[in-house]
């Protein structure tokens, strides 16, 4: 499984590279804090493959990186070669990039 750090993600966002960011957390978690991207809850990802790009870089995140890692592995089994797990998830983002976000 490929991973990307929050610092690498910040650089992508700053340079406006065309990529897809997917948040696989549950709805109540998204209400606490967000960092952008498309919300597809973990349990719904495999039913929404048509929403996930096979051509551009896809970065998947959750709270800590565990659930998004599992989703990356599942997507790889579906033939995706362009998915990256956000190492440390939104906790790492809130710690190292946007300290205004609420940690939970």
N, C-alpha and C. Protein backbone atom coordinates (compact mmCIF):
# COMPACT_ATOMS: atom_id res chain seq x y z
N UNK A 1 0.85 -1.18 0.00
CA UNK A 1 0.00 0.00 0.00
C UNK A 1 0.89 1.25 0.00
N UNK A 2 0.56 2.17 -0.88
CA UNK A 2 1.30 3.42 -0.96
C UNK A 2 0.71 4.41 0.06
N UNK A 3 1.59 5.23 0.61
CA UNK A 3 1.16 6.24 1.58
C UNK A 3 1.70 7.60 1.18
N UNK A 4 1.05 8.62 1.69
CA UNK A 4 1.48 10.00 1.50
C UNK A 4 1.40 10.68 2.87
N UNK A 5 2.32 11.56 3.16
CA UNK A 5 2.30 12.28 4.43
C UNK A 5 1.44 13.53 4.31
N UNK A 6 1.08 14.10 5.44
CA UNK A 6 0.27 15.32 5.42
C UNK A 6 1.05 16.48 4.82
N UNK A 7 2.37 16.49 4.99
CA UNK A 7 3.20 17.54 4.41
C UNK A 7 3.19 17.42 2.88
N UNK A 8 3.29 16.19 2.38
CA UNK A 8 3.22 15.98 0.93
C UNK A 8 1.85 16.37 0.39
N UNK A 9 0.79 16.07 1.13
CA UNK A 9 -0.55 16.45 0.72
C UNK A 9 -0.69 17.97 0.70
N UNK A 10 -0.16 18.64 1.69
CA UNK A 10 -0.21 20.11 1.73
C UNK A 10 0.46 20.69 0.49
N UNK A 11 1.61 20.12 0.10
CA UNK A 11 2.30 20.60 -1.10
C UNK A 11 1.44 20.40 -2.34
N UNK A 12 0.75 19.25 -2.42
CA UNK A 12 -0.15 19.01 -3.55
C UNK A 12 -1.26 20.06 -3.59
N UNK A 13 -1.86 20.33 -2.43
CA UNK A 13 -2.93 21.32 -2.37
C UNK A 13 -2.42 22.71 -2.73
N UNK A 14 -1.24 23.05 -2.27
CA UNK A 14 -0.67 24.38 -2.54
C UNK A 14 -0.33 24.58 -4.00
N UNK A 15 0.02 23.52 -4.71
CA UNK A 15 0.40 23.64 -6.12
C UNK A 15 -0.79 23.38 -7.04
N UNK A 16 -1.93 23.09 -6.46
CA UNK A 16 -3.17 22.86 -7.22
C UNK A 16 -3.04 21.72 -8.22
N UNK A 17 -2.29 20.69 -7.85
CA UNK A 17 -2.20 19.48 -8.66
C UNK A 17 -3.59 18.83 -8.68
N UNK A 18 -3.97 18.24 -9.80
CA UNK A 18 -5.27 17.61 -9.92
C UNK A 18 -5.22 16.21 -9.30
N UNK A 19 -5.85 16.07 -8.14
CA UNK A 19 -5.94 14.79 -7.45
C UNK A 19 -7.30 14.70 -6.80
N UNK A 20 -7.63 13.51 -6.32
CA UNK A 20 -8.91 13.31 -5.64
C UNK A 20 -8.64 12.96 -4.18
N UNK A 21 -9.32 13.66 -3.29
CA UNK A 21 -9.21 13.40 -1.85
C UNK A 21 -10.53 12.82 -1.38
N UNK A 22 -10.46 11.65 -0.75
CA UNK A 22 -11.67 10.98 -0.28
C UNK A 22 -11.59 10.79 1.23
N UNK A 23 -12.64 11.23 1.91
CA UNK A 23 -12.78 11.12 3.37
C UNK A 23 -13.71 9.93 3.65
N UNK A 24 -13.19 8.88 4.29
CA UNK A 24 -14.00 7.68 4.53
C UNK A 24 -14.55 7.61 5.96
N UNK A 25 -14.46 8.73 6.70
CA UNK A 25 -15.00 8.75 8.06
C UNK A 25 -16.53 8.75 8.02
N UNK A 26 -17.12 8.52 9.16
CA UNK A 26 -18.58 8.54 9.29
C UNK A 26 -19.07 9.98 9.34
N UNK A 27 -20.35 10.16 9.05
CA UNK A 27 -20.94 11.50 9.01
C UNK A 27 -20.75 12.31 10.28
N UNK A 28 -20.90 11.67 11.43
CA UNK A 28 -20.76 12.41 12.69
C UNK A 28 -19.32 12.89 12.89
N UNK A 29 -18.34 12.19 12.30
CA UNK A 29 -16.95 12.62 12.40
C UNK A 29 -16.69 13.82 11.50
N UNK A 30 -17.31 13.81 10.33
CA UNK A 30 -17.16 14.92 9.39
C UNK A 30 -17.72 16.20 9.98
N UNK A 31 -18.74 16.07 10.82
CA UNK A 31 -19.32 17.25 11.48
C UNK A 31 -18.34 17.89 12.45
N UNK A 32 -17.38 17.12 12.96
CA UNK A 32 -16.41 17.64 13.92
C UNK A 32 -15.34 18.47 13.23
N UNK A 33 -14.80 17.96 12.13
CA UNK A 33 -13.77 18.69 11.39
C UNK A 33 -13.63 18.11 9.99
N UNK A 34 -13.24 18.96 9.06
CA UNK A 34 -13.03 18.54 7.67
C UNK A 34 -11.77 19.19 7.12
N UNK A 35 -11.21 18.53 6.11
CA UNK A 35 -10.04 19.09 5.43
C UNK A 35 -10.26 19.14 3.93
N UNK A 36 -11.52 19.05 3.53
CA UNK A 36 -11.85 19.09 2.12
C UNK A 36 -11.97 17.68 1.55
N UNK A 37 -12.26 17.62 0.28
CA UNK A 37 -12.39 16.33 -0.37
C UNK A 37 -13.82 15.84 -0.40
N UNK A 38 -13.98 14.67 -0.95
CA UNK A 38 -15.29 14.05 -1.13
C UNK A 38 -15.55 13.07 0.01
N UNK A 39 -16.72 13.15 0.61
CA UNK A 39 -17.07 12.25 1.70
C UNK A 39 -17.78 11.02 1.16
N UNK A 40 -17.13 9.87 1.31
CA UNK A 40 -17.74 8.58 1.00
C UNK A 40 -17.45 7.69 2.21
N UNK A 41 -18.43 7.48 3.09
CA UNK A 41 -18.19 6.66 4.29
C UNK A 41 -17.59 5.29 3.94
N UNK A 42 -16.76 4.80 4.81
CA UNK A 42 -16.05 3.54 4.59
C UNK A 42 -16.96 2.43 4.07
N UNK A 43 -18.11 2.26 4.68
CA UNK A 43 -19.02 1.19 4.30
C UNK A 43 -19.66 1.36 2.93
N UNK A 44 -19.54 2.55 2.36
CA UNK A 44 -20.16 2.84 1.06
C UNK A 44 -19.17 2.89 -0.09
N UNK A 45 -17.88 2.80 0.20
CA UNK A 45 -16.86 2.99 -0.84
C UNK A 45 -17.01 1.99 -1.99
N UNK A 46 -17.11 0.72 -1.70
CA UNK A 46 -17.15 -0.28 -2.76
C UNK A 46 -18.43 -0.20 -3.59
N UNK A 47 -19.47 0.44 -3.06
CA UNK A 47 -20.69 0.66 -3.82
C UNK A 47 -20.62 1.94 -4.65
N UNK A 48 -19.53 2.68 -4.52
CA UNK A 48 -19.38 3.96 -5.21
C UNK A 48 -18.09 4.03 -6.02
N UNK A 49 -17.66 2.91 -6.56
CA UNK A 49 -16.42 2.88 -7.33
C UNK A 49 -16.47 3.83 -8.53
N UNK A 50 -17.65 4.07 -9.05
CA UNK A 50 -17.79 4.97 -10.19
C UNK A 50 -17.43 6.41 -9.84
N UNK A 51 -17.37 6.75 -8.56
CA UNK A 51 -17.01 8.09 -8.11
C UNK A 51 -15.51 8.24 -7.87
N UNK A 52 -14.77 7.14 -7.96
CA UNK A 52 -13.34 7.15 -7.64
C UNK A 52 -12.53 7.06 -8.92
N UNK A 53 -11.66 8.04 -9.12
CA UNK A 53 -10.87 8.12 -10.34
C UNK A 53 -9.89 6.96 -10.46
N UNK A 54 -9.73 6.47 -11.68
CA UNK A 54 -8.71 5.45 -11.95
C UNK A 54 -7.52 6.07 -12.66
N UNK A 55 -7.61 7.37 -12.97
CA UNK A 55 -6.54 8.00 -13.74
C UNK A 55 -5.70 8.99 -12.92
N UNK A 56 -6.32 9.75 -12.04
CA UNK A 56 -5.52 10.69 -11.25
C UNK A 56 -5.22 10.12 -9.87
N UNK A 57 -4.29 10.73 -9.18
CA UNK A 57 -3.92 10.27 -7.84
C UNK A 57 -5.11 10.41 -6.91
N UNK A 58 -5.40 9.34 -6.17
CA UNK A 58 -6.50 9.33 -5.21
C UNK A 58 -5.89 9.15 -3.81
N UNK A 59 -6.19 10.11 -2.94
CA UNK A 59 -5.69 10.07 -1.57
C UNK A 59 -6.89 9.82 -0.67
N UNK A 60 -6.79 8.79 0.16
CA UNK A 60 -7.88 8.39 1.03
C UNK A 60 -7.48 8.70 2.47
N UNK A 61 -8.40 9.31 3.23
CA UNK A 61 -8.08 9.60 4.63
C UNK A 61 -9.24 9.28 5.56
N UNK A 62 -8.88 9.08 6.82
CA UNK A 62 -9.85 8.87 7.90
C UNK A 62 -9.32 9.64 9.10
N UNK A 63 -9.63 9.19 10.28
CA UNK A 63 -9.17 9.88 11.49
C UNK A 63 -7.67 9.66 11.71
N UNK A 64 -7.23 8.39 11.66
CA UNK A 64 -5.84 8.09 12.01
C UNK A 64 -5.04 7.39 10.91
N UNK A 65 -5.72 6.94 9.87
CA UNK A 65 -5.04 6.24 8.79
C UNK A 65 -5.32 4.75 8.73
N UNK A 66 -5.97 4.20 9.75
CA UNK A 66 -6.24 2.75 9.77
C UNK A 66 -7.37 2.37 8.80
N UNK A 67 -8.50 3.04 8.92
CA UNK A 67 -9.63 2.73 8.03
C UNK A 67 -9.31 3.06 6.58
N UNK A 68 -8.67 4.19 6.37
CA UNK A 68 -8.32 4.56 5.00
C UNK A 68 -7.31 3.59 4.41
N UNK A 69 -6.44 3.04 5.25
CA UNK A 69 -5.50 2.02 4.79
C UNK A 69 -6.23 0.77 4.33
N UNK A 70 -7.24 0.37 5.08
CA UNK A 70 -8.04 -0.80 4.70
C UNK A 70 -8.77 -0.54 3.39
N UNK A 71 -9.26 0.68 3.21
CA UNK A 71 -9.95 1.04 1.96
C UNK A 71 -8.97 1.04 0.79
N UNK A 72 -7.78 1.55 1.01
CA UNK A 72 -6.76 1.52 -0.06
C UNK A 72 -6.48 0.08 -0.49
N UNK A 73 -6.36 -0.81 0.47
CA UNK A 73 -6.12 -2.22 0.14
C UNK A 73 -7.29 -2.81 -0.63
N UNK A 74 -8.51 -2.47 -0.23
CA UNK A 74 -9.69 -2.97 -0.93
C UNK A 74 -9.75 -2.42 -2.35
N UNK A 75 -9.41 -1.16 -2.52
CA UNK A 75 -9.41 -0.56 -3.86
C UNK A 75 -8.33 -1.19 -4.74
N UNK A 76 -7.19 -1.49 -4.15
CA UNK A 76 -6.13 -2.16 -4.90
C UNK A 76 -6.60 -3.52 -5.40
N UNK A 77 -7.37 -4.22 -4.58
CA UNK A 77 -7.93 -5.52 -5.00
C UNK A 77 -8.93 -5.35 -6.15
N UNK A 78 -9.51 -4.16 -6.24
CA UNK A 78 -10.47 -3.86 -7.32
C UNK A 78 -9.74 -3.37 -8.58
N UNK A 79 -8.42 -3.32 -8.53
CA UNK A 79 -7.65 -2.93 -9.70
C UNK A 79 -7.09 -1.52 -9.69
N UNK A 80 -7.32 -0.77 -8.64
CA UNK A 80 -6.78 0.59 -8.55
C UNK A 80 -5.29 0.54 -8.25
N UNK A 81 -4.52 1.31 -9.00
CA UNK A 81 -3.07 1.38 -8.79
C UNK A 81 -2.65 2.80 -8.39
N UNK A 82 -3.62 3.68 -8.25
CA UNK A 82 -3.36 5.11 -8.04
C UNK A 82 -3.84 5.62 -6.68
N UNK A 83 -4.03 4.70 -5.71
CA UNK A 83 -4.55 5.12 -4.41
C UNK A 83 -3.42 5.21 -3.37
N UNK A 84 -3.56 6.21 -2.51
CA UNK A 84 -2.58 6.48 -1.47
C UNK A 84 -3.31 6.69 -0.15
N UNK A 85 -2.80 6.08 0.90
CA UNK A 85 -3.34 6.29 2.24
C UNK A 85 -2.67 7.51 2.85
N UNK A 86 -3.48 8.39 3.48
CA UNK A 86 -2.91 9.54 4.18
C UNK A 86 -2.39 9.06 5.53
N UNK A 87 -1.10 9.03 5.66
CA UNK A 87 -0.44 8.54 6.89
C UNK A 87 -0.81 9.44 8.06
N UNK A 88 -1.40 8.86 9.11
CA UNK A 88 -1.77 9.61 10.30
C UNK A 88 -3.14 10.27 10.23
N UNK A 89 -3.75 10.26 9.04
CA UNK A 89 -5.11 10.77 8.88
C UNK A 89 -5.28 12.23 9.25
N UNK A 90 -6.52 12.56 9.58
CA UNK A 90 -6.83 13.96 9.88
C UNK A 90 -6.21 14.40 11.21
N UNK A 91 -5.87 13.44 12.07
CA UNK A 91 -5.16 13.80 13.31
C UNK A 91 -3.80 14.40 12.96
N UNK A 92 -3.07 13.77 12.04
CA UNK A 92 -1.77 14.29 11.62
C UNK A 92 -1.94 15.64 10.92
N UNK A 93 -2.99 15.77 10.11
CA UNK A 93 -3.25 17.04 9.43
C UNK A 93 -3.48 18.15 10.46
N UNK A 94 -4.29 17.86 11.48
CA UNK A 94 -4.60 18.86 12.52
C UNK A 94 -3.39 19.16 13.39
N UNK A 95 -2.46 18.24 13.48
CA UNK A 95 -1.26 18.45 14.29
C UNK A 95 -0.18 19.21 13.52
N UNK A 96 0.03 18.84 12.26
CA UNK A 96 1.17 19.35 11.51
C UNK A 96 0.85 20.42 10.46
N UNK A 97 -0.42 20.53 10.06
CA UNK A 97 -0.75 21.45 8.97
C UNK A 97 -1.76 22.51 9.40
N UNK A 98 -2.92 22.11 9.88
CA UNK A 98 -3.98 23.05 10.24
C UNK A 98 -4.36 22.85 11.71
N UNK A 99 -3.66 23.56 12.57
CA UNK A 99 -3.85 23.39 14.01
C UNK A 99 -5.17 23.99 14.51
N UNK A 100 -5.93 24.63 13.62
CA UNK A 100 -7.23 25.16 14.02
C UNK A 100 -8.30 24.08 14.04
N UNK A 101 -8.03 22.94 13.42
CA UNK A 101 -9.02 21.86 13.39
C UNK A 101 -9.16 21.20 14.76
N UNK A 102 -10.36 20.78 15.06
CA UNK A 102 -10.63 20.07 16.31
C UNK A 102 -10.15 18.63 16.19
N UNK A 103 -9.36 18.21 17.17
CA UNK A 103 -8.91 16.82 17.23
C UNK A 103 -9.91 16.04 18.09
N UNK A 104 -10.14 14.80 17.71
CA UNK A 104 -11.07 13.97 18.48
C UNK A 104 -10.57 12.55 18.53
